[in-house]
N, C-alpha and C. Protein backbone atom coordinates (compact mmCIF):
# COMPACT_ATOMS: atom_id res chain seq x y z
N MET A 1 0.86 -1.18 -0.01
CA MET A 1 0.13 0.12 0.01
C MET A 1 0.92 1.18 0.03
N ARG A 2 1.97 1.20 0.77
CA ARG A 2 2.81 2.25 0.91
C ARG A 2 3.45 2.86 -0.66
N PRO A 3 3.87 1.88 -1.32
CA PRO A 3 4.51 2.47 -2.64
C PRO A 3 3.32 3.09 -3.40
N ILE A 4 2.35 2.68 -3.57
CA ILE A 4 1.08 3.24 -4.10
C ILE A 4 0.83 4.64 -3.66
N TRP A 5 0.94 5.03 -2.36
CA TRP A 5 0.73 6.15 -1.75
C TRP A 5 1.90 7.12 -2.31
N LEU A 6 3.25 6.72 -2.20
CA LEU A 6 4.18 7.35 -2.71
C LEU A 6 4.02 7.95 -4.12
N LEU A 7 3.57 6.86 -4.78
CA LEU A 7 3.61 7.00 -6.40
C LEU A 7 2.47 8.18 -6.64
N LEU A 8 1.27 8.16 -5.71
CA LEU A 8 0.34 9.26 -6.04
C LEU A 8 0.81 10.60 -5.16
N ALA A 9 1.49 10.46 -4.45
CA ALA A 9 2.16 11.83 -3.82
C ALA A 9 3.05 12.30 -4.81
N ALA A 10 3.80 11.50 -5.58
CA ALA A 10 4.74 12.14 -6.56
C ALA A 10 3.99 12.61 -7.81
N LEU A 11 2.77 11.87 -8.20
CA LEU A 11 2.10 12.60 -9.21
C LEU A 11 1.43 13.58 -8.82
N ALA A 12 0.99 13.92 -7.89
CA ALA A 12 0.36 15.18 -7.32
C ALA A 12 1.65 16.21 -7.20
N ALA A 13 2.53 15.92 -6.71
CA ALA A 13 3.74 17.00 -6.65
C ALA A 13 4.37 17.36 -7.70
N CYS A 14 4.42 16.68 -8.94
CA CYS A 14 5.06 16.89 -10.23
C CYS A 14 4.04 17.53 -11.30
N HIS A 15 3.14 17.68 -10.88
CA HIS A 15 2.11 18.45 -11.93
C HIS A 15 1.58 19.64 -11.51
N ASP A 16 2.06 20.76 -11.80
CA ASP A 16 1.32 22.00 -11.44
C ASP A 16 0.56 22.94 -12.37
N GLY A 17 0.47 22.22 -13.61
CA GLY A 17 -0.01 22.79 -14.88
C GLY A 17 -1.51 23.23 -14.72
N ALA A 18 -2.03 24.09 -15.40
CA ALA A 18 -3.49 24.60 -15.38
C ALA A 18 -3.75 24.74 -16.86
N ALA A 19 -5.01 24.35 -16.72
CA ALA A 19 -5.70 24.48 -18.31
C ALA A 19 -6.81 25.25 -18.00
N GLY A 20 -7.10 26.50 -18.73
CA GLY A 20 -8.01 27.42 -18.51
C GLY A 20 -8.30 27.83 -16.94
N GLY A 21 -7.18 27.97 -16.32
CA GLY A 21 -7.28 28.43 -15.12
C GLY A 21 -7.46 27.57 -13.83
N ARG A 22 -7.70 26.27 -14.36
CA ARG A 22 -7.96 25.13 -13.49
C ARG A 22 -6.75 24.46 -13.03
N PRO A 23 -5.93 24.55 -11.95
CA PRO A 23 -4.86 23.93 -11.66
C PRO A 23 -5.07 22.39 -11.47
N ALA A 24 -4.16 21.53 -12.30
CA ALA A 24 -4.36 20.02 -12.18
C ALA A 24 -3.28 19.63 -11.17
N ILE A 25 -3.79 18.59 -10.40
CA ILE A 25 -2.65 18.08 -9.32
C ILE A 25 -2.00 16.99 -9.66
N ALA A 26 -2.63 16.32 -10.97
CA ALA A 26 -2.17 15.27 -11.49
C ALA A 26 -2.55 15.06 -12.92
N THR A 27 -1.97 14.17 -13.68
CA THR A 27 -2.34 13.87 -15.15
C THR A 27 -2.20 12.32 -15.11
N VAL A 28 -3.32 11.77 -15.65
CA VAL A 28 -3.16 10.08 -15.61
C VAL A 28 -3.67 9.67 -17.10
N ALA A 29 -2.78 9.19 -17.79
CA ALA A 29 -3.06 8.77 -19.27
C ALA A 29 -3.64 9.99 -20.07
N GLY A 30 -2.84 11.24 -19.69
CA GLY A 30 -3.20 12.23 -20.62
C GLY A 30 -4.39 13.03 -20.11
N MET A 31 -5.08 12.63 -19.03
CA MET A 31 -6.37 13.22 -18.52
C MET A 31 -6.07 13.64 -17.18
N PRO A 32 -6.22 14.99 -17.06
CA PRO A 32 -6.04 15.96 -15.83
C PRO A 32 -6.86 15.51 -14.78
N ILE A 33 -6.36 15.65 -13.60
CA ILE A 33 -7.32 15.49 -12.28
C ILE A 33 -7.08 16.82 -11.78
N TYR A 34 -8.25 17.73 -11.85
CA TYR A 34 -8.22 19.00 -11.39
C TYR A 34 -8.25 18.99 -9.88
N GLU A 35 -7.57 20.22 -9.30
CA GLU A 35 -7.63 20.41 -7.88
C GLU A 35 -9.35 20.71 -7.53
N ASP A 36 -9.99 21.56 -8.23
CA ASP A 36 -11.59 21.62 -7.68
C ASP A 36 -12.27 20.28 -7.76
N GLU A 37 -11.91 19.70 -8.72
CA GLU A 37 -12.49 18.05 -8.95
C GLU A 37 -12.21 17.37 -7.62
N PHE A 38 -10.96 17.35 -7.51
CA PHE A 38 -10.54 16.50 -6.26
C PHE A 38 -11.14 17.16 -4.92
N VAL A 39 -11.05 18.33 -4.61
CA VAL A 39 -11.76 18.71 -3.50
C VAL A 39 -13.09 18.52 -3.21
N ALA A 40 -13.89 18.54 -4.37
CA ALA A 40 -15.25 18.32 -4.24
C ALA A 40 -15.55 16.73 -4.20
N ARG A 41 -14.51 15.86 -4.72
CA ARG A 41 -14.86 14.54 -4.27
C ARG A 41 -14.51 14.29 -3.12
N TRP A 42 -13.45 14.70 -2.53
CA TRP A 42 -12.91 14.51 -1.15
C TRP A 42 -13.97 15.10 -0.30
N GLN A 43 -14.57 16.04 -0.33
CA GLN A 43 -15.50 16.42 0.61
C GLN A 43 -17.06 15.76 0.69
N ARG A 44 -17.34 15.42 -0.56
CA ARG A 44 -18.53 14.53 -0.53
C ARG A 44 -18.50 13.15 0.32
N VAL A 45 -17.29 12.70 0.54
CA VAL A 45 -17.09 11.43 1.06
C VAL A 45 -16.68 11.65 2.72
N ALA A 46 -17.61 11.16 3.66
CA ALA A 46 -17.59 11.42 4.95
C ALA A 46 -16.22 10.80 5.73
N LEU A 47 -15.92 11.37 6.78
CA LEU A 47 -14.68 10.81 7.35
C LEU A 47 -15.22 10.45 8.72
N VAL A 48 -14.50 9.52 9.34
CA VAL A 48 -15.13 8.77 10.80
C VAL A 48 -14.36 9.69 11.75
N PRO A 49 -14.90 10.23 12.60
CA PRO A 49 -14.21 11.24 13.56
C PRO A 49 -13.56 10.44 14.67
N ASP A 50 -12.53 10.81 15.23
CA ASP A 50 -11.98 10.29 16.53
C ASP A 50 -12.90 10.55 17.64
N ASP A 51 -12.44 10.35 18.88
CA ASP A 51 -13.24 10.50 20.06
C ASP A 51 -13.69 11.92 20.29
N SER A 52 -13.05 12.84 19.89
CA SER A 52 -13.14 14.15 19.99
C SER A 52 -14.03 14.87 18.93
N GLY A 53 -14.53 13.89 18.05
CA GLY A 53 -15.61 14.40 17.26
C GLY A 53 -14.95 15.07 16.05
N ALA A 54 -13.73 15.16 15.79
CA ALA A 54 -12.86 15.53 14.72
C ALA A 54 -12.23 14.55 13.90
N PRO A 55 -11.90 14.42 12.85
CA PRO A 55 -11.10 13.45 11.97
C PRO A 55 -9.61 13.72 12.54
N THR A 56 -8.74 12.70 12.80
CA THR A 56 -7.35 12.90 13.03
C THR A 56 -6.81 13.35 11.68
N GLY A 57 -5.56 13.86 11.93
CA GLY A 57 -4.70 14.30 10.88
C GLY A 57 -4.42 12.98 9.65
N ALA A 58 -3.84 11.88 10.37
CA ALA A 58 -3.78 10.90 9.79
C ALA A 58 -4.84 10.23 9.09
N ALA A 59 -6.00 10.45 9.63
CA ALA A 59 -7.29 10.22 8.83
C ALA A 59 -7.72 10.66 7.53
N VAL A 60 -7.24 12.23 7.64
CA VAL A 60 -7.57 13.10 6.76
C VAL A 60 -6.57 12.71 5.67
N GLN A 61 -5.26 12.31 5.97
CA GLN A 61 -4.41 12.28 4.77
C GLN A 61 -4.56 10.94 4.11
N ALA A 62 -5.00 9.76 5.03
CA ALA A 62 -5.27 8.84 4.51
C ALA A 62 -6.60 8.65 3.64
N HIS A 63 -7.74 9.53 3.89
CA HIS A 63 -8.75 9.81 3.07
C HIS A 63 -8.47 10.42 1.73
N LYS A 64 -7.61 11.50 1.73
CA LYS A 64 -7.16 12.12 0.46
C LYS A 64 -6.49 11.15 -0.41
N GLY A 65 -5.23 10.31 0.15
CA GLY A 65 -4.94 9.48 -0.71
C GLY A 65 -5.83 8.49 -1.36
N ALA A 66 -7.02 8.09 -0.46
CA ALA A 66 -7.83 6.92 -0.98
C ALA A 66 -8.77 7.85 -2.19
N VAL A 67 -9.10 8.98 -1.92
CA VAL A 67 -9.75 9.56 -2.98
C VAL A 67 -9.06 9.81 -4.24
N LEU A 68 -7.88 10.17 -4.09
CA LEU A 68 -6.93 10.41 -5.17
C LEU A 68 -6.74 8.97 -5.97
N ARG A 69 -6.50 7.92 -5.33
CA ARG A 69 -6.15 6.53 -6.08
C ARG A 69 -7.49 6.22 -6.69
N ASP A 70 -8.72 6.54 -6.14
CA ASP A 70 -10.02 6.40 -6.93
C ASP A 70 -10.11 7.00 -8.06
N MET A 71 -9.60 8.26 -8.09
CA MET A 71 -9.68 9.16 -9.36
C MET A 71 -8.71 8.66 -10.44
N VAL A 72 -7.42 8.24 -9.70
CA VAL A 72 -6.44 7.64 -10.92
C VAL A 72 -7.13 6.40 -11.44
N THR A 73 -7.43 5.53 -10.53
CA THR A 73 -8.20 4.45 -11.27
C THR A 73 -9.29 4.70 -12.16
N GLN A 74 -10.15 5.66 -11.82
CA GLN A 74 -11.17 5.91 -12.78
C GLN A 74 -10.68 6.45 -14.21
N ARG A 75 -9.63 7.29 -14.09
CA ARG A 75 -9.03 7.79 -15.32
C ARG A 75 -8.41 6.59 -16.06
N LEU A 76 -7.78 5.78 -15.52
CA LEU A 76 -7.25 4.47 -16.08
C LEU A 76 -8.30 3.85 -16.92
N LEU A 77 -9.26 3.44 -15.92
CA LEU A 77 -10.44 2.60 -16.45
C LEU A 77 -11.15 3.40 -17.91
N LEU A 78 -11.20 4.63 -17.63
CA LEU A 78 -11.77 5.32 -18.88
C LEU A 78 -11.12 5.43 -20.16
N ARG A 79 -9.67 5.34 -19.87
CA ARG A 79 -8.62 5.45 -20.98
C ARG A 79 -8.65 3.86 -21.73
N GLU A 80 -8.72 3.10 -20.67
CA GLU A 80 -8.94 1.66 -21.22
C GLU A 80 -10.18 1.38 -22.14
N ALA A 81 -11.23 1.80 -21.48
CA ALA A 81 -12.57 1.46 -22.05
C ALA A 81 -12.63 2.37 -23.62
N GLU A 82 -12.03 3.52 -23.61
CA GLU A 82 -11.56 4.25 -25.07
C GLU A 82 -10.86 3.45 -25.86
N ARG A 83 -9.78 2.87 -25.26
CA ARG A 83 -8.83 2.03 -26.19
C ARG A 83 -9.57 1.16 -26.95
N ALA A 84 -10.56 0.25 -25.88
CA ALA A 84 -11.19 -0.99 -26.49
C ALA A 84 -12.34 -0.64 -27.11
N GLN A 85 -12.68 0.61 -27.08
CA GLN A 85 -13.91 0.93 -28.01
C GLN A 85 -15.16 0.51 -27.09
N VAL A 86 -14.99 0.56 -25.99
CA VAL A 86 -16.31 0.18 -25.24
C VAL A 86 -17.29 1.29 -25.19
N ASN A 87 -18.68 1.10 -25.58
CA ASN A 87 -19.66 2.31 -25.46
C ASN A 87 -20.69 1.50 -24.68
N VAL A 88 -21.20 2.24 -23.77
CA VAL A 88 -22.34 1.83 -22.86
C VAL A 88 -23.25 2.94 -22.98
N MET A 89 -24.64 2.87 -23.13
CA MET A 89 -25.62 3.68 -23.23
C MET A 89 -25.98 4.05 -21.41
N HIS A 90 -26.43 5.20 -21.58
CA HIS A 90 -26.75 5.73 -20.10
C HIS A 90 -27.93 4.87 -19.51
N GLU A 91 -28.79 4.53 -20.34
CA GLU A 91 -29.95 3.53 -19.88
C GLU A 91 -29.38 2.31 -19.19
N GLU A 92 -28.33 1.74 -19.93
CA GLU A 92 -27.71 0.41 -19.63
C GLU A 92 -27.18 0.55 -18.17
N VAL A 93 -26.36 1.89 -17.83
CA VAL A 93 -25.77 1.89 -16.75
C VAL A 93 -27.03 2.17 -15.56
N GLU A 94 -27.90 2.77 -15.87
CA GLU A 94 -29.10 3.16 -14.97
C GLU A 94 -29.69 1.59 -14.60
N ALA A 95 -29.85 0.80 -15.62
CA ALA A 95 -30.32 -0.65 -15.38
C ALA A 95 -29.60 -1.33 -14.52
N ALA A 96 -28.12 -1.35 -14.82
CA ALA A 96 -27.30 -2.07 -14.12
C ALA A 96 -27.33 -1.62 -12.50
N LEU A 97 -27.35 -0.29 -12.45
CA LEU A 97 -27.37 0.21 -10.98
C LEU A 97 -28.66 -0.01 -10.15
N ALA A 98 -29.81 -0.48 -10.86
CA ALA A 98 -31.26 -0.42 -10.16
C ALA A 98 -31.24 -1.86 -9.53
């Protein structure tokens, strides 16, 4: 698990470019992960607080790492689906999730 975290941290640290004023924290398979997109996703997922009612610093960092890993995985899956020319209709997704 630690090598993945280090890789993700390196990705985030290495890319500071911006497209249209949106700073990217990483680029995966040519697709940027924008800072505002990361923050929005990170804030949507609840953290488990410690006994004091607030998440610990370690929990926050672990949570951020998990969110970034998920976003990286999503970008890789999207790129592979494009490469394999996988096309799924919105209705098919809705039916699968129902």
